[in-house]
Amino acid sequence: MAESGNSPAFLSNNVLAALGADARNFIADHSEMREMNTGDVIFANGARVTHLVFPVEGVVSFIAELAGDKCVEKVSIGREGFLGFARIMESDTSLGTSVVQVPGRALWLPTSDFDQALLRFSGVRETMLRYAKSLMMQLMESVACSCLHTAEQRVSRWLLQAHDRVSGDEFQVTQEAISRLLALRRATVNAACSELMNAGAITYNRGRITVRDRKILHDRCCPCYDRIRSATAS
């Protein structure tokens, strides 16, 4: 057994923590904890979904792949959720490409065992669908955010969400990665990060962000952050 159903790591994933004890213990017995490294592709677009993946730390982005080797983030997932939700709709095919942006760890549960959990334990499907609904909310907010809010607001939101999904105040991500995911120029992200550093919100050194003052970062971000977080918590 990789983790106890009551272990701190297991319970740090909000979806798993919301399940009943019997369901948690079943999933713990049948899942495996794996490292997630920057750039790892969890699922390629259209690939067969063999596992459900529950991050306990780190950030995974669903990306839209564009012409010229460009990509943009559609939505991001951390320990508030899971990947492989196509399985809830009885599909074996991934709904998009998911790539690790901030390294961490995740529990991998084979789909065959997940299917058994759906049959054996009440509330599992409802819990998963509730998260899928909040993910749709995040997707819609992200579309509006990219059209209406400033670069600094969008960068601040992304950093706040990343901070929510890691242990401690420091995490690994480059300005280049943020610029790619948010479809912003590298110089624009650099300027936004410089403003945040001057304000005392963060420090940045060699691809590592440290959140120094979360309140300042929150004050600089767009209102999308609070709406997304509220939807995820409900």
Protein backbone atom coordinates (compact mmCIF):
# COMPACT_ATOMS: atom_id res chain seq x y z
CA MET A 1 0.00 0.00 0.00
CA ALA A 2 1.51 3.32 -1.09
CA GLU A 3 -0.27 5.50 1.44
CA SER A 4 -2.79 5.08 4.24
CA GLY A 5 -6.23 6.50 3.49
CA ASN A 6 -5.72 8.76 6.49
CA SER A 7 -2.12 9.81 5.78
CA PRO A 8 -1.36 13.54 5.48
CA ALA A 9 -0.24 13.08 1.87
CA PHE A 10 -3.43 11.25 0.91
CA LEU A 11 -5.69 13.75 2.66
CA SER A 12 -3.91 16.72 1.07
CA ASN A 13 -5.82 15.96 -2.13
CA ASN A 14 -9.21 17.60 -1.61
CA VAL A 15 -11.18 15.12 -3.71
CA LEU A 16 -9.78 12.11 -1.87
CA ALA A 17 -10.24 13.82 1.50
CA ALA A 18 -13.94 14.34 0.71
CA LEU A 19 -14.56 10.60 0.28
CA GLY A 20 -15.74 8.29 3.02
CA ALA A 21 -13.15 6.36 5.00
CA ASP A 22 -13.91 3.01 3.31
CA ALA A 23 -13.52 4.50 -0.17
CA ARG A 24 -10.30 6.28 0.83
CA ASN A 25 -8.81 3.09 2.22
CA PHE A 26 -9.77 1.14 -0.91
CA ILE A 27 -8.12 3.74 -3.14
CA ALA A 28 -5.05 3.84 -0.91
CA ASP A 29 -4.73 0.05 -1.16
CA HIS A 30 -4.85 0.14 -4.96
CA SER A 31 -2.92 3.30 -5.83
CA GLU A 32 0.74 4.18 -6.20
CA MET A 33 2.51 7.43 -5.28
CA ARG A 34 4.66 8.75 -8.13
CA GLU A 35 6.90 11.77 -8.61
CA MET A 36 5.83 14.42 -11.12
CA ASN A 37 8.67 16.26 -12.84
CA THR A 38 8.49 19.47 -14.86
CA GLY A 39 7.59 18.65 -18.46
CA ASP A 40 6.12 15.21 -17.73
CA VAL A 41 3.12 14.50 -19.95
CA ILE A 42 0.45 12.89 -17.78
CA PHE A 43 -1.94 12.28 -20.69
CA ALA A 44 -1.52 13.13 -24.36
CA ASN A 45 -4.57 14.41 -26.21
CA GLY A 46 -6.71 11.47 -27.29
CA ALA A 47 -4.58 8.93 -25.40
CA ARG A 48 -6.17 6.04 -23.54
CA VAL A 49 -6.81 6.86 -19.88
CA THR A 50 -5.30 3.99 -17.89
CA HIS A 51 -5.24 5.71 -14.47
CA LEU A 52 -6.88 8.45 -12.51
CA VAL A 53 -4.21 10.80 -11.17
CA PHE A 54 -4.66 12.67 -7.88
CA PRO A 55 -1.95 15.31 -7.30
CA VAL A 56 -0.92 15.84 -3.68
CA GLU A 57 1.57 18.56 -4.60
CA GLY A 58 2.46 20.40 -7.82
CA VAL A 59 0.69 21.93 -10.81
CA VAL A 60 -0.48 20.21 -14.00
CA SER A 61 -1.76 22.25 -16.97
CA PHE A 62 -4.21 21.21 -19.64
CA ILE A 63 -2.76 22.90 -22.69
CA ALA A 64 -4.02 23.82 -26.14
CA GLU A 65 -1.34 23.05 -28.72
CA LEU A 66 -1.17 25.69 -31.46
CA ALA A 67 0.68 26.08 -34.74
CA GLY A 68 4.41 26.75 -34.61
CA ASP A 69 5.05 24.67 -31.49
CA LYS A 70 3.13 27.19 -29.39
CA CYS A 71 0.78 26.29 -26.58
CA VAL A 72 -1.45 28.01 -24.04
CA GLU A 73 -2.92 26.83 -20.77
CA LYS A 74 -6.64 26.10 -20.81
CA VAL A 75 -6.94 25.16 -17.15
CA SER A 76 -4.65 23.96 -14.35
CA ILE A 77 -5.03 21.24 -11.74
CA GLY A 78 -3.41 20.66 -8.38
CA ARG A 79 -4.23 18.93 -5.14
CA GLU A 80 -7.77 20.29 -5.21
CA GLY A 81 -8.62 17.85 -8.00
CA PHE A 82 -7.67 14.97 -10.25
CA LEU A 83 -6.92 14.05 -13.86
CA GLY A 84 -8.75 11.41 -15.87
CA PHE A 85 -12.26 12.77 -15.35
CA ALA A 86 -13.25 11.51 -18.80
CA ARG A 87 -13.62 8.18 -17.00
CA ILE A 88 -16.54 9.59 -15.02
CA MET A 89 -18.32 9.97 -18.36
CA GLU A 90 -17.49 6.35 -19.22
CA SER A 91 -14.84 7.32 -21.76
CA ASP A 92 -11.37 5.81 -22.09
CA THR A 93 -9.94 8.76 -24.04
CA SER A 94 -8.15 11.79 -22.61
CA LEU A 95 -9.89 15.11 -23.23
CA GLY A 96 -6.62 17.00 -23.73
CA THR A 97 -2.87 17.12 -23.16
CA SER A 98 -1.83 17.54 -19.55
CA VAL A 99 1.73 18.59 -18.67
CA VAL A 100 3.45 19.09 -15.31
CA GLN A 101 4.45 22.73 -14.77
CA VAL A 102 5.43 22.69 -11.08
CA PRO A 103 6.96 19.41 -9.86
CA GLY A 104 5.39 17.40 -7.08
CA ARG A 105 3.76 14.04 -6.42
CA ALA A 106 0.51 12.30 -7.30
CA LEU A 107 -1.38 9.11 -6.53
CA TRP A 108 -2.06 6.95 -9.59
CA LEU A 109 -5.13 4.72 -9.45
CA PRO A 110 -5.77 2.19 -12.26
CA THR A 111 -9.09 2.76 -14.00
CA SER A 112 -10.15 -0.83 -13.31
CA ASP A 113 -9.83 -0.20 -9.57
CA PHE A 114 -11.58 3.15 -9.91
CA ASP A 115 -14.49 1.40 -11.62
CA GLN A 116 -14.69 -0.96 -8.66
CA ALA A 117 -14.72 2.01 -6.26
CA LEU A 118 -17.64 3.52 -8.18
CA LEU A 119 -19.60 0.29 -7.79
CA ARG A 120 -18.73 -0.38 -4.15
CA PHE A 121 -18.88 3.02 -2.48
CA SER A 122 -21.68 5.54 -2.51
CA GLY A 123 -20.67 9.15 -3.00
CA VAL A 124 -17.58 8.52 -5.14
CA ARG A 125 -19.20 9.48 -8.44
CA GLU A 126 -20.93 12.51 -6.88
CA THR A 127 -17.67 13.76 -5.39
CA MET A 128 -15.85 13.39 -8.69
CA LEU A 129 -18.62 15.13 -10.64
CA ARG A 130 -18.66 17.99 -8.14
CA TYR A 131 -14.99 18.60 -8.86
CA ALA A 132 -15.55 18.34 -12.62
CA LYS A 133 -18.16 21.09 -12.29
CA SER A 134 -15.68 23.35 -10.47
CA LEU A 135 -13.10 22.66 -13.19
CA MET A 136 -15.55 23.88 -15.81
CA MET A 137 -15.98 27.03 -13.73
CA GLN A 138 -12.21 27.54 -13.72
CA LEU A 139 -12.09 27.06 -17.49
CA MET A 140 -14.76 29.70 -18.08
CA GLU A 141 -13.10 32.15 -15.68
CA SER A 142 -9.75 31.63 -17.42
CA VAL A 143 -11.24 32.56 -20.79
CA ALA A 144 -12.68 35.80 -19.40
CA CYS A 145 -9.48 36.52 -17.47
CA SER A 146 -7.29 36.35 -20.58
CA CYS A 147 -9.51 38.92 -22.30
CA LEU A 148 -10.20 41.39 -19.49
CA HIS A 149 -7.34 41.51 -17.00
CA THR A 150 -3.83 42.92 -16.99
CA ALA A 151 -0.68 40.85 -17.27
CA GLU A 152 0.23 41.54 -13.63
CA GLN A 153 -3.22 40.42 -12.47
CA ARG A 154 -3.02 37.22 -14.50
CA VAL A 155 0.53 36.40 -13.39
CA SER A 156 -0.45 37.05 -9.76
CA ARG A 157 -3.45 34.72 -10.09
CA TRP A 158 -1.32 31.96 -11.58
CA LEU A 159 1.28 32.30 -8.81
CA LEU A 160 -1.39 32.29 -6.10
CA GLN A 161 -2.91 29.11 -7.52
CA ALA A 162 0.52 27.49 -7.66
CA HIS A 163 1.18 28.54 -4.05
CA ASP A 164 -2.08 26.83 -3.03
CA ARG A 165 -0.86 23.60 -4.59
CA VAL A 166 2.57 23.21 -2.99
CA SER A 167 3.97 22.72 0.49
CA GLY A 168 5.79 25.79 1.72
CA ASP A 169 6.34 29.13 0.02
CA GLU A 170 8.88 28.18 -2.66
CA PHE A 171 8.26 26.37 -5.92
CA GLN A 172 10.00 25.80 -9.22
CA VAL A 173 8.71 27.51 -12.37
CA THR A 174 10.37 29.73 -14.94
CA GLN A 175 9.14 33.05 -16.26
CA GLU A 176 9.40 31.54 -19.73
CA ALA A 177 6.93 28.80 -18.74
CA ILE A 178 4.49 31.34 -17.30
CA SER A 179 4.70 33.48 -20.44
CA ARG A 180 3.98 30.45 -22.62
CA LEU A 181 1.05 29.26 -20.52
CA LEU A 182 -0.58 32.69 -20.28
CA ALA A 183 0.19 33.64 -23.91
CA LEU A 184 2.18 36.68 -22.79
CA ARG A 185 5.51 37.98 -24.05
CA ARG A 186 8.50 36.94 -21.95
CA ALA A 187 9.36 40.61 -21.38
CA THR A 188 5.81 41.25 -20.15
CA VAL A 189 6.03 38.47 -17.57
CA ASN A 190 9.47 39.71 -16.53
CA ALA A 191 8.04 43.19 -15.98
CA ALA A 192 5.10 41.83 -13.98
CA CYS A 193 7.39 39.74 -11.78
CA SER A 194 9.67 42.74 -11.26
CA GLU A 195 6.69 44.79 -10.06
CA LEU A 196 5.68 42.01 -7.70
CA MET A 197 9.23 41.76 -6.36
CA ASN A 198 9.43 45.53 -5.85
CA ALA A 199 6.14 45.36 -3.94
CA GLY A 200 7.56 42.64 -1.66
CA ALA A 201 5.13 39.95 -2.81
CA ILE A 202 7.67 37.51 -4.25
CA THR A 203 11.32 36.85 -4.96
CA TYR A 204 12.56 35.11 -8.08
CA ASN A 205 15.93 33.45 -8.54
CA ARG A 206 17.02 30.97 -11.20
CA GLY A 207 13.62 29.50 -11.90
CA ARG A 208 12.41 29.45 -8.32
CA ILE A 209 9.57 31.62 -7.01
CA THR A 210 9.27 32.37 -3.29
CA VAL A 211 6.04 33.92 -2.05
CA ARG A 212 7.06 36.51 0.55
CA ASP A 213 3.73 38.23 1.19
CA ARG A 214 0.63 36.39 0.06
CA LYS A 215 -1.67 39.32 0.93
CA ILE A 216 0.18 41.64 -1.44
CA LEU A 217 0.04 38.99 -4.16
CA HIS A 218 -3.68 38.57 -3.58
CA ASP A 219 -4.24 42.33 -3.71
CA ARG A 220 -2.47 42.44 -7.09
CA CYS A 221 -4.40 39.56 -8.68
CA CYS A 222 -7.69 39.64 -10.55
CA PRO A 223 -11.05 38.69 -8.94
CA CYS A 224 -11.03 35.45 -10.93
CA TYR A 225 -8.83 33.87 -8.25
CA ASP A 226 -11.44 34.18 -5.50
CA ARG A 227 -14.25 32.99 -7.77
CA ILE A 228 -12.26 29.94 -8.85
CA ARG A 229 -11.26 29.10 -5.30
CA SER A 230 -14.83 29.47 -4.07
CA ALA A 231 -16.09 27.14 -6.80
CA THR A 232 -13.46 24.55 -5.94
CA ALA A 233 -14.26 24.67 -2.22
CA SER A 234 -18.01 24.30 -2.69
